[in-house]
Amino acid sequence: MVLFGSPDQGVPQILRIGGFDVGEECDFNLNTIPDQGVETVRTEEALIATLSVLNLLGES
């Protein structure tokens, strides 16, 4: 499962609202756009970046 945050909150914060902890619910937490240089990334940009990374990982 791939999760995306919102412009106001990241995945850990969103899960916390529901009473969940990202460390307990997810096997790993991968930032596919590290050091992005902006406060937020649009979901469509994050989706493209994430699918690209997953595609590369799937080829190895």
C-alpha atoms as a PDB file:
ATOM      1  CA  MET A   1       0.000   0.000   0.000  1.00  0.00           C
ATOM      2  CA  VAL A   2       1.257   3.460  -0.841  1.00  0.00           C
ATOM      3  CA  LEU A   3       0.125   6.375   1.314  1.00  0.00           C
ATOM      4  CA  PHE A   4       0.317  10.082   0.560  1.00  0.00           C
ATOM      5  CA  GLY A   5      -0.023  12.957   3.001  1.00  0.00           C
ATOM      6  CA  SER A   6      -1.976  16.136   2.517  1.00  0.00           C
ATOM      7  CA  PRO A   7      -0.762  19.720   2.020  1.00  0.00           C
ATOM      8  CA  ASP A   8      -1.293  20.333   5.737  1.00  0.00           C
ATOM      9  CA  GLN A   9      -0.238  17.029   7.300  1.00  0.00           C
ATOM     10  CA  GLY A  10       2.080  14.168   6.562  1.00  0.00           C
ATOM     11  CA  VAL A  11       1.170  10.496   6.767  1.00  0.00           C
ATOM     12  CA  PRO A  12       2.325  10.126  10.417  1.00  0.00           C
ATOM     13  CA  GLN A  13       0.123  13.017  11.513  1.00  0.00           C
ATOM     14  CA  ILE A  14      -2.887  11.731   9.571  1.00  0.00           C
ATOM     15  CA  LEU A  15      -2.519   8.233  11.038  1.00  0.00           C
ATOM     16  CA  ARG A  16      -2.166   9.672  14.549  1.00  0.00           C
ATOM     17  CA  ILE A  17      -5.576  11.373  14.186  1.00  0.00           C
ATOM     18  CA  GLY A  18      -7.084   7.920  13.626  1.00  0.00           C
ATOM     19  CA  GLY A  19      -5.253   6.509  16.641  1.00  0.00           C
ATOM     20  CA  PHE A  20      -2.592   4.715  14.614  1.00  0.00           C
ATOM     21  CA  ASP A  21       1.203   4.915  14.664  1.00  0.00           C
ATOM     22  CA  VAL A  22       3.123   4.895  11.380  1.00  0.00           C
ATOM     23  CA  GLY A  23       5.841   2.694  12.931  1.00  0.00           C
ATOM     24  CA  GLU A  24       3.319   0.028  13.877  1.00  0.00           C
ATOM     25  CA  GLU A  25       1.162   0.185  10.749  1.00  0.00           C
ATOM     26  CA  CYS A  26       3.819   0.458   8.019  1.00  0.00           C
ATOM     27  CA  ASP A  27       6.781  -1.786   7.284  1.00  0.00           C
ATOM     28  CA  PHE A  28       8.788   1.250   6.214  1.00  0.00           C
ATOM     29  CA  ASN A  29       8.372   4.950   5.516  1.00  0.00           C
ATOM     30  CA  LEU A  30      10.010   6.074   2.272  1.00  0.00           C
ATOM     31  CA  ASN A  31      10.326   9.713   1.228  1.00  0.00           C
ATOM     32  CA  THR A  32      10.483   9.583  -2.569  1.00  0.00           C
ATOM     33  CA  ILE A  33      11.221  13.314  -2.891  1.00  0.00           C
ATOM     34  CA  PRO A  34      13.850  14.072  -0.216  1.00  0.00           C
ATOM     35  CA  ASP A  35      15.249  17.610   0.092  1.00  0.00           C
ATOM     36  CA  GLN A  36      12.458  18.852  -2.166  1.00  0.00           C
ATOM     37  CA  GLY A  37      13.141  22.506  -1.400  1.00  0.00           C
ATOM     38  CA  VAL A  38       9.451  23.362  -1.003  1.00  0.00           C
ATOM     39  CA  GLU A  39       7.033  22.964   1.891  1.00  0.00           C
ATOM     40  CA  THR A  40       4.639  20.639   0.070  1.00  0.00           C
ATOM     41  CA  VAL A  41       4.547  18.626  -3.140  1.00  0.00           C
ATOM     42  CA  ARG A  42       1.346  18.241  -5.145  1.00  0.00           C
ATOM     43  CA  THR A  43      -0.137  14.757  -5.020  1.00  0.00           C
ATOM     44  CA  GLU A  44       0.199  14.278  -8.779  1.00  0.00           C
ATOM     45  CA  GLU A  45       3.920  15.110  -8.566  1.00  0.00           C
ATOM     46  CA  ALA A  46       4.371  12.776  -5.598  1.00  0.00           C
ATOM     47  CA  LEU A  47       2.524  10.021  -7.454  1.00  0.00           C
ATOM     48  CA  ILE A  48       4.805  10.271 -10.499  1.00  0.00           C
ATOM     49  CA  ALA A  49       7.952  10.339  -8.355  1.00  0.00           C
ATOM     50  CA  THR A  50       6.778   7.417  -6.229  1.00  0.00           C
ATOM     51  CA  LEU A  51       5.765   5.247  -9.173  1.00  0.00           C
ATOM     52  CA  SER A  52       9.138   5.964 -10.802  1.00  0.00           C
ATOM     53  CA  VAL A  53      10.998   4.830  -7.681  1.00  0.00           C
ATOM     54  CA  LEU A  54       8.837   1.716  -7.334  1.00  0.00           C
ATOM     55  CA  ASN A  55       9.379   0.914 -11.011  1.00  0.00           C
ATOM     56  CA  LEU A  56      13.148   1.140 -10.565  1.00  0.00           C
ATOM     57  CA  LEU A  57      13.023  -1.031  -7.444  1.00  0.00           C
ATOM     58  CA  GLY A  58      10.899  -3.591  -9.271  1.00  0.00           C
ATOM     59  CA  GLU A  59      13.470  -3.883 -12.060  1.00  0.00           C
ATOM     60  CA  SER A  60      16.338  -4.784  -9.725  1.00  0.00           C
END
